[in-house]
Amino acid sequence: MEDVTDAGIYARESSYLDRYVQLGAASGRVLSVSFPDLPDEEAQDDHPVLEQIFEYLDGLEEVHFDELQVALTVPTDQRAVLEQVRSIPYGEQVSVDALARMTPELDPEDEDDLILVRTALDENPTPLLIPDHRVRDGPSAAPPAVEQKLRSLEGL
């Protein structure tokens, strides 16, 4: 498991994404991932999770984020959906309906459950680490251009 004990904001520019990758970390967990045009003024550029993200963005080999501790500060029902998103393998994709089937206690025939799935994807605090870009017909918390590049990187 990566050591993410350094609390703070970290950012580094990605030429592949044409923007910065910024993360917030505290208490050994990643709190947020975002893709701003400019990083927070106080952001530092050296963090083990950033290293892992940039290995992923290099696209030379599959990089998995399953061992990272992500602090999901979302409602419990959304957390259940996002935990299932983490189980979607690199280079594979599922539909919103399939994600609802994968999530305990959700019914893909229930419109409210499908809305819950879409809401969880849209409010994902750590896109990329929780790879919502692997849900083909759902929203992503990443900007559309970033989502498309992540999908392209994985051949989706």
Protein backbone atom coordinates (compact mmCIF):
# COMPACT_ATOMS: atom_id res chain seq x y z
CA MET A 1 0.00 0.00 0.00
CA GLU A 2 1.28 3.47 -0.88
CA ASP A 3 2.20 5.76 1.99
CA VAL A 4 -0.10 8.75 1.73
CA THR A 5 0.49 10.08 5.23
CA ASP A 6 1.64 13.55 4.17
CA ALA A 7 -1.33 15.87 4.60
CA GLY A 8 -1.76 18.66 2.11
CA ILE A 9 -2.50 19.55 -1.48
CA TYR A 10 -0.31 18.21 -4.24
CA ALA A 11 -0.36 18.98 -7.96
CA ARG A 12 1.65 18.38 -11.07
CA GLU A 13 1.07 19.40 -14.67
CA SER A 14 0.18 16.65 -17.14
CA SER A 15 1.07 17.25 -20.76
CA TYR A 16 -1.18 14.31 -21.70
CA LEU A 17 -4.23 15.86 -20.04
CA ASP A 18 -3.28 19.47 -20.88
CA ARG A 19 -3.97 20.46 -17.27
CA TYR A 20 -2.88 19.77 -13.74
CA VAL A 21 -3.68 16.73 -11.65
CA GLN A 22 -4.30 17.86 -8.09
CA LEU A 23 -4.96 15.76 -5.03
CA GLY A 24 -5.75 16.38 -1.42
CA ALA A 25 -4.47 13.94 1.19
CA ALA A 26 -4.73 13.65 4.97
CA SER A 27 -4.50 10.95 7.63
CA GLY A 28 -3.10 8.41 5.20
CA ARG A 29 -5.97 8.78 2.74
CA VAL A 30 -6.63 10.54 -0.54
CA LEU A 31 -9.49 13.00 -0.06
CA SER A 32 -9.87 14.40 -3.55
CA VAL A 33 -8.57 14.34 -7.11
CA SER A 34 -9.25 17.20 -9.50
CA PHE A 35 -7.98 18.48 -12.82
CA PRO A 36 -7.64 22.27 -12.60
CA ASP A 37 -6.14 24.52 -15.25
CA LEU A 38 -3.97 26.01 -12.50
CA PRO A 39 -3.10 24.32 -9.20
CA ASP A 40 -3.75 25.64 -5.73
CA GLU A 41 -1.06 28.18 -4.80
CA GLU A 42 0.09 26.07 -1.88
CA ALA A 43 0.21 22.77 -3.77
CA GLN A 44 3.43 20.80 -3.63
CA ASP A 45 4.50 18.57 -6.52
CA ASP A 46 5.99 15.57 -4.74
CA HIS A 47 3.73 12.83 -3.43
CA PRO A 48 3.73 9.03 -3.94
CA VAL A 49 0.15 9.04 -5.25
CA LEU A 50 1.09 11.65 -7.87
CA GLU A 51 3.95 9.37 -8.91
CA GLN A 52 1.52 6.50 -9.36
CA ILE A 53 -0.97 8.66 -11.27
CA PHE A 54 1.74 9.83 -13.65
CA GLU A 55 2.89 6.24 -14.23
CA TYR A 56 -0.72 5.50 -15.20
CA LEU A 57 -0.85 8.56 -17.50
CA ASP A 58 2.37 7.44 -19.23
CA GLY A 59 0.30 4.52 -20.52
CA LEU A 60 3.29 2.19 -20.74
CA GLU A 61 1.76 -0.43 -18.47
CA GLU A 62 -1.40 -1.02 -16.47
CA VAL A 63 -1.37 0.82 -13.17
CA HIS A 64 -3.91 -0.07 -10.50
CA PHE A 65 -5.02 2.06 -7.59
CA ASP A 66 -6.75 -0.66 -5.53
CA GLU A 67 -4.26 -0.44 -2.66
CA LEU A 68 -4.70 3.30 -2.16
CA GLN A 69 -6.77 4.44 0.80
CA VAL A 70 -9.51 6.76 -0.44
CA ALA A 71 -11.59 8.71 2.07
CA LEU A 72 -15.13 8.54 0.74
CA THR A 73 -16.96 11.36 2.44
CA VAL A 74 -20.21 10.70 0.57
CA PRO A 75 -23.55 9.25 1.69
CA THR A 76 -23.50 5.51 2.41
CA ASP A 77 -25.58 4.54 -0.63
CA GLN A 78 -23.25 6.49 -2.93
CA ARG A 79 -20.22 4.94 -1.20
CA ALA A 80 -21.55 1.46 -2.07
CA VAL A 81 -21.73 2.44 -5.75
CA LEU A 82 -18.25 3.99 -5.79
CA GLU A 83 -16.75 0.96 -4.06
CA GLN A 84 -18.11 -1.16 -6.92
CA VAL A 85 -16.62 1.24 -9.48
CA ARG A 86 -13.20 0.55 -7.95
CA SER A 87 -13.65 -3.12 -8.87
CA ILE A 88 -14.03 -2.45 -12.61
CA PRO A 89 -10.75 -3.70 -14.14
CA TYR A 90 -8.38 -1.54 -16.16
CA GLY A 91 -9.42 -1.48 -19.81
CA GLU A 92 -12.96 -2.71 -19.17
CA GLN A 93 -16.20 -0.81 -19.00
CA VAL A 94 -19.69 -1.35 -17.69
CA SER A 95 -23.02 0.39 -18.16
CA VAL A 96 -24.95 2.25 -15.49
CA ASP A 97 -27.41 -0.69 -15.43
CA ALA A 98 -24.58 -3.18 -14.89
CA LEU A 99 -23.13 -1.02 -12.12
CA ALA A 100 -26.53 -0.99 -10.41
CA ARG A 101 -26.61 -4.81 -10.67
CA MET A 102 -23.09 -4.98 -9.19
CA THR A 103 -24.05 -2.82 -6.21
CA PRO A 104 -25.72 -4.66 -3.31
CA GLU A 105 -29.33 -3.70 -2.66
CA LEU A 106 -29.75 -1.76 -5.94
CA ASP A 107 -32.18 -2.74 -8.67
CA PRO A 108 -31.30 -1.77 -12.26
CA GLU A 109 -35.05 -1.72 -13.02
CA ASP A 110 -35.67 0.96 -10.39
CA GLU A 111 -35.29 4.47 -11.83
CA ASP A 112 -34.43 5.89 -8.37
CA ASP A 113 -31.55 3.41 -8.08
CA LEU A 114 -30.26 4.42 -11.53
CA ILE A 115 -30.42 8.08 -10.47
CA LEU A 116 -28.46 7.15 -7.34
CA VAL A 117 -25.77 5.49 -9.49
CA ARG A 118 -25.50 8.52 -11.78
CA THR A 119 -25.38 10.89 -8.80
CA ALA A 120 -22.61 8.86 -7.16
CA LEU A 121 -20.58 8.96 -10.38
CA ASP A 122 -21.14 12.68 -10.83
CA GLU A 123 -20.11 13.44 -7.23
CA ASN A 124 -17.12 11.07 -7.15
CA PRO A 125 -14.47 12.92 -5.08
CA THR A 126 -11.54 11.01 -6.60
CA PRO A 127 -12.07 10.43 -10.33
CA LEU A 128 -9.26 8.35 -11.80
CA LEU A 129 -8.61 6.59 -8.47
CA ILE A 130 -12.28 5.59 -8.50
CA PRO A 131 -12.39 5.12 -12.29
CA ASP A 132 -15.81 6.50 -13.20
CA HIS A 133 -14.53 6.87 -16.79
CA ARG A 134 -15.05 3.08 -17.05
CA VAL A 135 -18.84 3.52 -16.83
CA ARG A 136 -19.69 4.13 -20.46
CA ASP A 137 -23.11 5.75 -20.19
CA GLY A 138 -22.79 7.55 -16.89
CA PRO A 139 -21.43 10.93 -15.92
CA SER A 140 -17.88 11.37 -14.73
CA ALA A 141 -16.67 13.74 -12.05
CA ALA A 142 -13.70 14.49 -14.31
CA PRO A 143 -14.05 17.18 -16.99
CA PRO A 144 -15.24 15.71 -20.32
CA ALA A 145 -11.87 16.20 -22.05
CA VAL A 146 -10.08 14.42 -19.19
CA GLU A 147 -12.65 11.61 -19.14
CA GLN A 148 -12.15 11.07 -22.87
CA LYS A 149 -8.36 10.95 -22.54
CA LEU A 150 -8.58 8.45 -19.66
CA ARG A 151 -10.93 6.28 -21.75
CA SER A 152 -8.57 6.54 -24.71
CA LEU A 153 -5.58 5.59 -22.58
CA GLU A 154 -7.36 2.37 -21.58
CA GLY A 155 -8.67 1.64 -25.08
CA LEU A 156 -12.31 2.23 -24.14
